[in-house]
Amino acid sequence: MSFTIAIIGRPNVGKSTLFNRLVGQKLALVDDLPGVTRDRREGEARLGDLEFTIIDTAGLDEGAKGSLTARMQEQTEAAIAQADALFFVIDARIGLTPTDRAFADFARKANKPVLLVANKSEGKHGDAGAMEAFALGLGDPIQISAEHGEGMGELYDALAKLMPEPVDADEDEDDEGAPLTEEEAATRPIRVAIVGRPNAGKSTLINHLLGEERLLTSPEAGTTRDSIAVEINWKGRDFRVFDTAGLRRRSRIEEKLEKLSVADALRAVRFAEVVVLVMDSQNRFEEQDLRIADLIEREGRAVVLAVNKWDLMETKGGGAISGLRRDADHWLPQVKGVPIVAVSGLMGEGIDRMMQAIQDAYAVWNRRVPTSALNRWFEQAIQANPPPAVSGRRLKLNYITQNKARPPSFVLFCSRADAVPQSYLRYLTNSMRETFDLPGTPVRITLREKANPFAHKRKRPS
């Protein structure tokens, strides 16, 4: 495991801004409101030629036992236990506060190397606060501005003294940019995003998969803000699972922070390969569920429906499951046959079935159809239901080929691409799903007009 550093400090001192600076991406949400970060977030960081794992944490703050604030601090303590060293961050513009002094003692008791980072040191106002930091007894403060990238050289020099000597990689190791072989693709982690409306039980579901309280949960909707990635191994297969903020209707999103959380969740969907849409068993297939499913389909991701809180259902027999299947096919025709699993994140029911459904959906999403079988099906589909005549002229569909997978995508060559009705494309899509066993995954058919060999010839003058 690589050298790991946890960023700690009181709320709103710029820990997430420093995290984003070191990982080179805006992964963590940043806002002027204190307490934006709740769960701990990990990322692969680089500072010059130094490579290490960085952990962003919730601000150290005091709270009643069992409260959300207290459990946020427990997450921070877990990050400190995991880390090899700490960045203790203070706000140089404000100077030392009693909270800084209290948590400096907390950092010392961790018995880990600590680098004191005086953030927001840009300009003349930052010097005084940085000088106050000497009183903490954590060594010389390193003055930086995470937002503007100032002081990174000084931070590099201090960090280089703590990190072990790098080990040279083997010369025969494959280049990072080399294309993946089929064997590598079959063994690399599957990227999974867990999405749904607020309070559908997404974080509880992931915690049960991990076997620990890795993500904060609460009866209050909106507990999760950042999209947090966790590594899971299930029966020898690796998964990288993203917990996301609940997605409400756009008209109900008012606060800037919630807008940032929703944008972060949408990025997780685009990054994922399989998306698990979590619905509340008591209020399933609501309008927002359908909107989210439509978004996933438009992004071209494999879909699995997880109906959570199944332990609260009065009727759980085969009839209830069959009803879920009928409802899913009725409300989500664009992903007909989508895998649907009844689960309970709290009790652990159906978790194995959900993980298997994710693997199955991933396999379908990557499927390629042999060209010979594809065109045999195409001829039979056209004979069974010929394309309609448009403006008195029969449409001519020539042949079809698969141009890529992830999701399965096909190019249909025809005479008049703009005249092919959407209803006929839906017929071809549904027929293809049944024939080649492509349930649930988006299927793309692009129309392309076959070149007219006589188009370049001019008409003879009369």
Protein backbone atom coordinates (compact mmCIF):
# COMPACT_ATOMS: atom_id res chain seq x y z
CA MET A 1 0.00 0.00 0.00
CA SER A 2 1.29 3.50 -0.84
CA PHE A 3 2.27 6.11 1.73
CA THR A 4 -0.97 7.55 3.14
CA ILE A 5 -1.62 11.05 4.49
CA ALA A 6 -4.79 12.26 6.24
CA ILE A 7 -5.74 15.93 6.07
CA ILE A 8 -7.23 16.99 9.42
CA GLY A 9 -8.28 20.24 11.08
CA ARG A 10 -11.35 22.14 12.17
CA PRO A 11 -14.14 22.86 9.65
CA ASN A 12 -13.71 25.36 6.81
CA VAL A 13 -9.91 25.72 6.87
CA GLY A 14 -9.53 24.50 3.25
CA LYS A 15 -8.87 20.76 3.67
CA SER A 16 -10.95 19.79 0.62
CA THR A 17 -9.34 22.52 -1.48
CA LEU A 18 -5.91 21.12 -0.59
CA PHE A 19 -7.15 17.58 -1.35
CA ASN A 20 -8.34 18.68 -4.81
CA ARG A 21 -5.04 20.46 -5.46
CA LEU A 22 -3.01 17.33 -4.64
CA VAL A 23 -5.13 14.87 -6.64
CA GLY A 24 -5.28 17.28 -9.59
CA GLN A 25 -9.08 17.10 -9.89
CA LYS A 26 -12.08 18.71 -8.23
CA LEU A 27 -13.20 15.49 -6.57
CA ALA A 28 -14.21 16.88 -3.17
CA LEU A 29 -17.00 19.44 -2.85
CA VAL A 30 -15.83 22.89 -1.75
CA ASP A 31 -18.07 25.61 -0.33
CA ASP A 32 -17.84 28.49 2.13
CA LEU A 33 -20.35 26.72 4.37
CA PRO A 34 -18.55 24.83 7.19
CA GLY A 35 -19.02 21.06 7.43
CA VAL A 36 -19.45 20.29 3.73
CA THR A 37 -17.27 17.16 3.97
CA ARG A 38 -18.86 14.40 6.03
CA ASP A 39 -17.51 11.05 4.86
CA ARG A 40 -13.79 10.52 4.41
CA ARG A 41 -12.63 10.50 0.80
CA GLU A 42 -9.44 8.94 -0.62
CA GLY A 43 -7.51 9.86 -3.75
CA GLU A 44 -4.20 9.21 -5.48
CA ALA A 45 -2.11 12.36 -5.04
CA ARG A 46 1.04 13.71 -6.64
CA LEU A 47 3.32 16.53 -5.52
CA GLY A 48 6.27 16.88 -7.87
CA ASP A 49 7.70 13.36 -8.15
CA LEU A 50 6.11 12.26 -4.86
CA GLU A 51 3.14 9.91 -5.20
CA PHE A 52 0.96 9.01 -2.22
CA THR A 53 -2.61 8.36 -1.07
CA ILE A 54 -4.40 11.36 0.43
CA ILE A 55 -7.51 11.24 2.66
CA ASP A 56 -9.86 14.20 3.00
CA THR A 57 -11.73 14.16 6.31
CA ALA A 58 -14.61 15.92 8.01
CA GLY A 59 -13.64 18.88 10.15
CA LEU A 60 -12.73 17.96 13.71
CA ASP A 61 -15.61 19.19 15.85
CA GLU A 62 -17.23 18.23 19.12
CA GLY A 63 -20.70 16.69 19.22
CA ALA A 64 -23.00 14.65 21.46
CA LYS A 65 -22.42 10.90 21.43
CA GLY A 66 -24.35 9.24 18.61
CA SER A 67 -25.00 12.54 16.80
CA LEU A 68 -24.08 13.07 13.16
CA THR A 69 -21.22 15.37 14.22
CA ALA A 70 -19.81 12.75 16.57
CA ARG A 71 -19.98 10.06 13.89
CA MET A 72 -18.25 12.41 11.44
CA GLN A 73 -15.41 12.68 13.95
CA GLU A 74 -15.31 8.87 14.21
CA GLN A 75 -14.74 8.81 10.44
CA THR A 76 -11.85 11.24 10.90
CA GLU A 77 -10.35 9.09 13.66
CA ALA A 78 -10.53 6.06 11.36
CA ALA A 79 -8.65 8.02 8.67
CA ILE A 80 -5.97 9.02 11.20
CA ALA A 81 -5.53 5.37 12.23
CA GLN A 82 -5.12 4.40 8.56
CA ALA A 83 -2.61 7.16 7.74
CA ASP A 84 1.19 7.15 7.90
CA ALA A 85 1.35 10.93 8.43
CA LEU A 86 -0.98 13.90 8.99
CA PHE A 87 -1.45 17.33 7.47
CA PHE A 88 -2.84 19.48 10.30
CA VAL A 89 -4.42 22.46 8.53
CA ILE A 90 -5.22 25.84 10.07
CA ASP A 91 -6.63 29.06 8.59
CA ALA A 92 -3.78 31.60 8.57
CA ARG A 93 -6.13 34.53 7.94
CA ILE A 94 -8.11 33.83 11.11
CA GLY A 95 -5.19 32.67 13.24
CA LEU A 96 -5.34 30.14 16.04
CA THR A 97 -8.66 29.35 17.69
CA PRO A 98 -9.35 27.37 20.88
CA THR A 99 -10.58 24.54 18.63
CA ASP A 100 -7.24 24.47 16.80
CA ARG A 101 -5.39 24.21 20.12
CA ALA A 102 -7.66 21.40 21.36
CA PHE A 103 -7.29 19.34 18.21
CA ALA A 104 -3.53 19.92 18.05
CA ASP A 105 -3.39 17.84 21.26
CA PHE A 106 -5.58 15.26 19.49
CA ALA A 107 -3.11 15.15 16.56
CA ARG A 108 -0.12 14.72 18.92
CA LYS A 109 -1.78 11.76 20.65
CA ALA A 110 -2.12 9.99 17.29
CA ASN A 111 1.64 9.35 17.47
CA LYS A 112 2.05 10.00 13.73
CA PRO A 113 4.35 12.47 11.94
CA VAL A 114 2.48 15.78 11.62
CA LEU A 115 3.07 18.60 9.13
CA LEU A 116 1.50 21.86 10.26
CA VAL A 117 -0.03 23.56 7.21
CA ALA A 118 -1.06 27.22 7.45
CA ASN A 119 -3.54 27.54 4.59
CA LYS A 120 -4.90 30.79 3.10
CA SER A 121 -1.51 32.44 3.64
CA GLU A 122 -1.65 34.49 0.46
CA GLY A 123 -1.21 38.21 0.96
CA LYS A 124 -0.13 40.17 4.02
CA HIS A 125 -3.02 38.99 6.20
CA GLY A 126 -1.77 35.40 6.28
CA ASP A 127 1.61 36.05 7.93
CA ALA A 128 0.32 36.91 11.41
CA GLY A 129 -1.84 33.80 11.70
CA ALA A 130 0.99 31.61 10.45
CA MET A 131 3.31 33.01 13.12
CA GLU A 132 0.73 32.19 15.80
CA ALA A 133 0.86 28.55 14.69
CA PHE A 134 4.29 28.12 16.29
CA ALA A 135 2.45 28.05 19.64
CA LEU A 136 0.89 24.68 18.78
CA GLY A 137 4.22 22.91 19.21
CA LEU A 138 3.84 20.93 15.97
CA GLY A 139 6.94 22.32 14.31
CA ASP A 140 7.38 25.11 11.77
CA PRO A 141 4.16 26.03 9.93
CA ILE A 142 4.27 25.59 6.15
CA GLN A 143 2.56 28.60 4.58
CA ILE A 144 0.48 27.71 1.54
CA SER A 145 -2.54 28.77 -0.46
CA ALA A 146 -4.29 25.62 -1.62
CA GLU A 147 -6.66 27.64 -3.79
CA HIS A 148 -3.90 29.50 -5.65
CA GLY A 149 -1.19 26.81 -5.51
CA GLU A 150 1.27 28.89 -3.50
CA GLY A 151 3.75 27.25 -1.12
CA MET A 152 3.61 23.82 -2.78
CA GLY A 153 7.40 23.75 -3.05
CA GLU A 154 7.81 24.17 0.71
CA LEU A 155 5.19 21.47 1.29
CA TYR A 156 7.11 19.19 -1.09
CA ASP A 157 10.38 19.68 0.80
CA ALA A 158 8.77 18.85 4.16
CA LEU A 159 6.89 15.84 2.81
CA ALA A 160 9.92 14.41 1.00
CA LYS A 161 11.70 14.06 4.36
CA LEU A 162 8.87 11.87 5.72
CA MET A 163 8.29 9.57 2.76
CA PRO A 164 10.28 6.37 2.15
CA GLU A 165 12.65 6.13 -0.80
CA PRO A 166 10.76 5.24 -4.00
CA VAL A 167 11.22 1.73 -5.36
CA ASP A 168 12.11 1.55 -9.06
CA ALA A 169 9.49 -0.20 -11.14
CA ASP A 170 10.46 -3.26 -13.14
CA GLU A 171 11.64 -2.34 -16.62
CA ASP A 172 9.48 -4.98 -18.24
CA GLU A 173 6.27 -3.68 -16.63
CA ASP A 174 3.55 -2.78 -19.12
CA ASP A 175 3.07 0.89 -19.97
CA GLU A 176 0.16 2.48 -18.16
CA GLY A 177 -1.33 3.77 -21.39
CA ALA A 178 -1.26 0.39 -23.15
CA PRO A 179 -4.69 -0.98 -24.13
CA LEU A 180 -6.20 -3.57 -21.80
CA THR A 181 -6.22 -7.18 -22.89
CA GLU A 182 -9.42 -9.23 -22.53
CA GLU A 183 -7.95 -10.92 -19.46
CA GLU A 184 -7.13 -7.55 -17.85
CA ALA A 185 -10.59 -6.21 -18.63
CA ALA A 186 -12.14 -9.28 -16.99
CA THR A 187 -10.18 -8.81 -13.77
CA ARG A 188 -9.99 -5.04 -13.28
CA PRO A 189 -12.49 -3.47 -10.83
CA ILE A 190 -16.01 -2.86 -12.12
CA ARG A 191 -16.98 0.78 -11.57
CA VAL A 192 -20.41 0.93 -9.94
CA ALA A 193 -22.42 4.04 -9.00
CA ILE A 194 -25.21 3.72 -6.42
CA VAL A 195 -27.87 6.35 -7.14
CA GLY A 196 -31.44 7.12 -6.15
CA ARG A 197 -33.70 9.58 -4.40
CA PRO A 198 -32.67 10.95 -0.97
CA ASN A 199 -33.03 8.54 1.95
CA ALA A 200 -33.47 5.44 -0.23
CA GLY A 201 -30.81 3.64 1.82
CA LYS A 202 -27.82 3.85 -0.54
CA SER A 203 -25.13 4.34 2.13
CA THR A 204 -26.63 1.65 4.37
CA LEU A 205 -26.46 -0.79 1.46
CA ILE A 206 -22.75 -0.07 0.85
CA ASN A 207 -21.93 -0.29 4.57
CA HIS A 208 -23.38 -3.80 4.65
CA LEU A 209 -21.29 -4.77 1.63
CA LEU A 210 -18.17 -3.51 3.41
CA GLY A 211 -19.10 -5.01 6.76
CA GLU A 212 -18.34 -1.73 8.54
CA GLU A 213 -19.81 1.73 9.12
CA ARG A 214 -17.65 3.27 6.39
CA LEU A 215 -20.28 5.78 5.23
CA LEU A 216 -22.40 8.01 7.42
CA THR A 217 -26.11 7.14 7.56
CA SER A 218 -29.01 8.99 9.12
CA PRO A 219 -32.83 8.99 8.99
CA GLU A 220 -32.47 12.59 7.79
CA ALA A 221 -32.40 12.87 4.00
CA GLY A 222 -29.31 14.44 2.43
CA THR A 223 -26.65 12.98 4.75
CA THR A 224 -24.37 12.06 1.84
CA ARG A 225 -22.96 15.05 -0.06
CA ASP A 226 -19.78 13.95 -1.87
CA SER A 227 -19.63 10.95 -4.19
CA ILE A 228 -17.45 8.65 -2.09
CA ALA A 229 -15.58 5.74 -3.72
CA VAL A 230 -14.91 2.53 -1.79
CA GLU A 231 -13.15 -0.67 -2.85
CA ILE A 232 -15.10 -3.93 -2.45
CA ASN A 233 -14.09 -7.51 -3.17
CA TRP A 234 -17.02 -9.88 -3.61
CA LYS A 235 -16.28 -13.56 -4.22
CA GLY A 236 -12.88 -12.76 -5.74
CA ARG A 237 -14.12 -9.95 -8.03
CA ASP A 238 -13.07 -6.35 -7.35
CA PHE A 239 -15.53 -3.47 -7.48
CA ARG A 240 -15.05 0.29 -7.11
CA VAL A 241 -18.37 1.50 -5.72
CA PHE A 242 -19.45 5.16 -5.59
CA ASP A 243 -21.97 6.29 -3.02
CA THR A 244 -23.76 9.42 -4.24
CA ALA A 245 -26.00 12.16 -2.92
CA GLY A 246 -29.75 11.68 -3.35
CA LEU A 247 -31.17 13.11 -6.56
CA ARG A 248 -34.29 15.24 -6.15
CA ARG A 249 -36.37 16.96 -8.79
CA ARG A 250 -34.59 20.01 -10.19
CA SER A 251 -37.42 22.34 -9.07
CA ARG A 252 -36.80 21.34 -5.44
CA ILE A 253 -33.04 21.97 -5.50
CA GLU A 254 -32.46 25.41 -4.06
CA GLU A 255 -29.23 25.48 -2.05
CA LYS A 256 -25.90 25.89 -3.85
CA LEU A 257 -24.41 22.99 -1.86
CA GLU A 258 -27.13 20.60 -3.00
CA LYS A 259 -26.56 21.67 -6.59
CA LEU A 260 -22.88 20.79 -6.17
CA SER A 261 -23.81 17.42 -4.64
CA VAL A 262 -26.14 16.59 -7.52
CA ALA A 263 -23.49 17.57 -10.10
CA ASP A 264 -21.03 15.29 -8.27
CA ALA A 265 -23.54 12.42 -8.39
CA LEU A 266 -24.06 12.92 -12.13
CA ARG A 267 -20.28 12.80 -12.68
CA ALA A 268 -20.23 9.48 -10.81
CA VAL A 269 -22.88 8.12 -13.19
CA ARG A 270 -20.83 9.15 -16.22
CA PHE A 271 -17.69 7.59 -14.74
CA ALA A 272 -19.45 4.31 -13.84
CA GLU A 273 -19.88 1.20 -15.96
CA VAL A 274 -22.86 -0.19 -14.03
CA VAL A 275 -25.36 2.02 -12.19
CA VAL A 276 -27.52 0.60 -9.39
CA LEU A 277 -30.75 2.59 -9.05
CA VAL A 278 -31.93 2.18 -5.45
CA MET A 279 -35.67 2.61 -4.85
CA ASP A 280 -37.62 2.61 -1.60
CA SER A 281 -39.89 -0.44 -1.51
CA GLN A 282 -42.63 1.68 0.07
CA ASN A 283 -42.54 4.30 -2.72
CA ARG A 284 -41.13 2.67 -5.82
CA PHE A 285 -41.28 3.77 -9.45
CA GLU A 286 -42.05 7.35 -8.54
CA GLU A 287 -41.56 10.07 -11.13
CA GLN A 288 -38.04 10.90 -9.94
CA ASP A 289 -37.03 7.21 -10.09
CA LEU A 290 -38.12 7.15 -13.73
CA ARG A 291 -36.22 10.35 -14.48
CA ILE A 292 -33.03 8.91 -12.96
CA ALA A 293 -33.43 5.67 -14.94
CA ASP A 294 -33.88 7.69 -18.12
CA LEU A 295 -30.71 9.66 -17.33
CA ILE A 296 -28.74 6.42 -16.85
CA GLU A 297 -30.03 5.07 -20.17
CA ARG A 298 -29.10 8.30 -22.00
CA GLU A 299 -25.59 8.07 -20.55
CA GLY A 300 -25.35 4.52 -21.95
CA ARG A 301 -24.64 2.74 -18.66
CA ALA A 302 -25.71 -0.76 -17.62
CA VAL A 303 -28.58 -0.63 -15.10
CA VAL A 304 -29.58 -2.71 -12.08
CA LEU A 305 -32.70 -1.87 -10.06
CA ALA A 306 -32.42 -2.50 -6.30
CA VAL A 307 -35.69 -2.23 -4.38
CA ASN A 308 -34.42 -1.48 -0.86
CA LYS A 309 -36.05 -1.80 2.59
CA TRP A 310 -37.66 -5.06 1.47
CA ASP A 311 -37.74 -6.13 5.13
CA LEU A 312 -40.56 -3.60 5.64
CA MET A 313 -42.78 -5.23 3.01
CA GLU A 314 -45.77 -7.19 4.33
CA THR A 315 -45.94 -9.44 1.25
CA LYS A 316 -42.57 -10.84 0.10
CA GLY A 317 -43.43 -13.97 -1.89
CA GLY A 318 -42.89 -14.80 -5.53
CA GLY A 319 -45.99 -12.83 -6.46
CA ALA A 320 -44.43 -9.63 -5.11
CA ILE A 321 -41.23 -10.23 -7.11
CA SER A 322 -43.26 -10.93 -10.26
CA GLY A 323 -45.09 -7.68 -9.65
CA LEU A 324 -41.76 -5.84 -9.54
CA ARG A 325 -40.82 -7.39 -12.87
CA ARG A 326 -44.09 -6.30 -14.49
CA ASP A 327 -43.79 -2.78 -13.06
CA ALA A 328 -40.20 -2.42 -14.26
CA ASP A 329 -41.03 -3.48 -17.84
CA HIS A 330 -44.09 -1.20 -17.85
CA TRP A 331 -42.43 1.94 -16.49
CA LEU A 332 -38.97 1.48 -18.04
CA PRO A 333 -39.49 0.18 -21.61
CA GLN A 334 -36.23 1.84 -22.72
CA VAL A 335 -34.31 -0.75 -20.64
CA LYS A 336 -36.71 -3.64 -20.98
CA GLY A 337 -35.64 -6.72 -19.01
CA VAL A 338 -33.51 -4.67 -16.59
CA PRO A 339 -32.31 -6.83 -13.64
CA ILE A 340 -34.40 -6.08 -10.56
CA VAL A 341 -33.45 -7.28 -7.07
CA ALA A 342 -35.27 -6.98 -3.74
CA VAL A 343 -32.75 -6.06 -1.03
CA SER A 344 -32.49 -4.85 2.54
CA GLY A 345 -29.34 -2.86 3.23
CA LEU A 346 -30.10 -2.91 6.95
CA MET A 347 -30.68 -6.68 7.24
CA GLY A 348 -28.37 -7.81 4.42
CA GLU A 349 -31.11 -9.52 2.43
CA GLY A 350 -30.55 -9.93 -1.32
CA ILE A 351 -27.01 -8.49 -1.31
CA ASP A 352 -25.49 -11.53 -3.04
CA ARG A 353 -28.20 -11.42 -5.72
CA MET A 354 -27.54 -7.73 -6.31
CA MET A 355 -23.77 -8.24 -6.73
CA GLN A 356 -24.38 -11.10 -9.16
CA ALA A 357 -26.84 -8.91 -11.09
CA ILE A 358 -24.15 -6.22 -11.36
CA GLN A 359 -21.69 -8.72 -12.85
CA ASP A 360 -24.33 -10.05 -15.26
CA ALA A 361 -25.29 -6.52 -16.36
CA TYR A 362 -21.61 -5.67 -16.87
CA ALA A 363 -21.17 -8.76 -19.09
CA VAL A 364 -24.19 -7.80 -21.21
CA TRP A 365 -22.94 -4.21 -21.47
CA ASN A 366 -19.64 -5.51 -22.92
CA ARG A 367 -21.25 -8.06 -25.28
CA ARG A 368 -20.40 -8.24 -28.98
CA VAL A 369 -22.71 -9.99 -31.45
CA PRO A 370 -21.09 -11.96 -34.33
CA THR A 371 -21.72 -10.21 -37.66
CA SER A 372 -23.09 -13.35 -39.36
CA ALA A 373 -25.65 -13.97 -36.59
CA LEU A 374 -26.55 -10.28 -36.55
CA ASN A 375 -27.40 -10.17 -40.24
CA ARG A 376 -29.34 -13.46 -40.11
CA TRP A 377 -31.48 -11.91 -37.41
CA PHE A 378 -31.76 -8.68 -39.43
CA GLU A 379 -33.13 -10.48 -42.50
CA GLN A 380 -35.66 -12.41 -40.39
CA ALA A 381 -36.75 -9.27 -38.51
CA ILE A 382 -37.38 -7.39 -41.79
CA GLN A 383 -39.27 -10.32 -43.31
CA ALA A 384 -41.46 -10.66 -40.20
CA ASN A 385 -42.22 -6.93 -40.09
CA PRO A 386 -41.13 -4.99 -43.22
CA PRO A 387 -40.33 -1.29 -42.81
CA PRO A 388 -43.28 0.98 -43.65
CA ALA A 389 -43.61 3.06 -46.79
CA VAL A 390 -43.02 6.77 -46.22
CA SER A 391 -44.47 9.32 -48.67
CA GLY A 392 -45.42 6.44 -50.95
CA ARG A 393 -41.87 5.10 -51.13
CA ARG A 394 -40.70 1.89 -49.49
CA LEU A 395 -37.72 2.23 -47.15
CA LYS A 396 -34.74 0.09 -48.06
CA LEU A 397 -32.71 -1.28 -45.15
CA ASN A 398 -29.49 -2.82 -46.44
CA TYR A 399 -27.47 -4.33 -43.57
CA ILE A 400 -26.42 -3.81 -39.97
CA THR A 401 -23.12 -4.12 -38.11
CA GLN A 402 -21.94 -3.64 -34.54
CA ASN A 403 -19.43 -0.82 -34.32
CA LYS A 404 -18.73 -1.02 -30.55
CA ALA A 405 -19.77 -2.38 -27.17
CA ARG A 406 -20.11 -0.60 -23.79
CA PRO A 407 -23.07 -0.26 -24.48
CA PRO A 408 -23.83 -2.48 -27.52
CA SER A 409 -23.99 -0.06 -30.46
CA PHE A 410 -24.93 -0.81 -34.06
CA VAL A 411 -24.89 0.99 -37.40
CA LEU A 412 -27.82 0.37 -39.77
CA PHE A 413 -27.21 1.23 -43.42
CA CYS A 414 -30.33 2.30 -45.28
CA SER A 415 -31.60 4.42 -48.17
CA ARG A 416 -33.33 7.33 -46.35
CA ALA A 417 -32.09 7.63 -42.76
CA ASP A 418 -34.27 10.64 -41.89
CA ALA A 419 -37.45 8.79 -42.92
CA VAL A 420 -37.11 5.70 -40.69
CA PRO A 421 -39.80 5.98 -37.95
CA GLN A 422 -38.75 5.78 -34.30
CA SER A 423 -41.41 3.10 -33.78
CA TYR A 424 -39.64 0.83 -36.26
CA LEU A 425 -36.28 1.40 -34.53
CA ARG A 426 -37.94 0.41 -31.22
CA TYR A 427 -39.21 -2.76 -32.88
CA LEU A 428 -35.68 -3.61 -34.06
CA THR A 429 -34.20 -2.81 -30.64
CA ASN A 430 -36.68 -5.00 -28.74
CA SER A 431 -36.29 -7.84 -31.24
CA MET A 432 -32.51 -7.62 -30.87
CA ARG A 433 -32.78 -7.70 -27.06
CA GLU A 434 -34.78 -10.94 -27.18
CA THR A 435 -32.70 -12.65 -29.86
CA PHE A 436 -29.24 -11.88 -28.46
CA ASP A 437 -30.13 -11.79 -24.74
CA LEU A 438 -29.41 -8.11 -24.07
CA PRO A 439 -31.75 -7.39 -21.13
CA GLY A 440 -31.65 -4.04 -19.41
CA THR A 441 -28.62 -2.53 -21.11
CA PRO A 442 -29.01 0.48 -23.43
CA VAL A 443 -28.89 -0.51 -27.10
CA ARG A 444 -27.85 2.11 -29.65
CA ILE A 445 -28.81 1.95 -33.35
CA THR A 446 -27.36 4.68 -35.56
CA LEU A 447 -28.74 5.16 -39.07
CA ARG A 448 -26.37 5.79 -41.92
CA GLU A 449 -27.28 6.25 -45.58
CA LYS A 450 -25.51 3.98 -48.01
CA ALA A 451 -23.53 5.94 -50.60
CA ASN A 452 -25.29 6.31 -53.95
CA PRO A 453 -22.81 5.18 -56.66
CA PHE A 454 -24.63 7.32 -59.26
CA ALA A 455 -24.85 10.50 -57.20
CA HIS A 456 -21.79 12.04 -58.88
CA LYS A 457 -23.17 11.65 -62.39
CA ARG A 458 -24.96 14.64 -63.86
CA LYS A 459 -28.21 14.33 -65.72
CA ARG A 460 -27.88 14.59 -69.48
CA PRO A 461 -29.25 17.83 -70.91
CA SER A 462 -32.65 17.34 -72.54
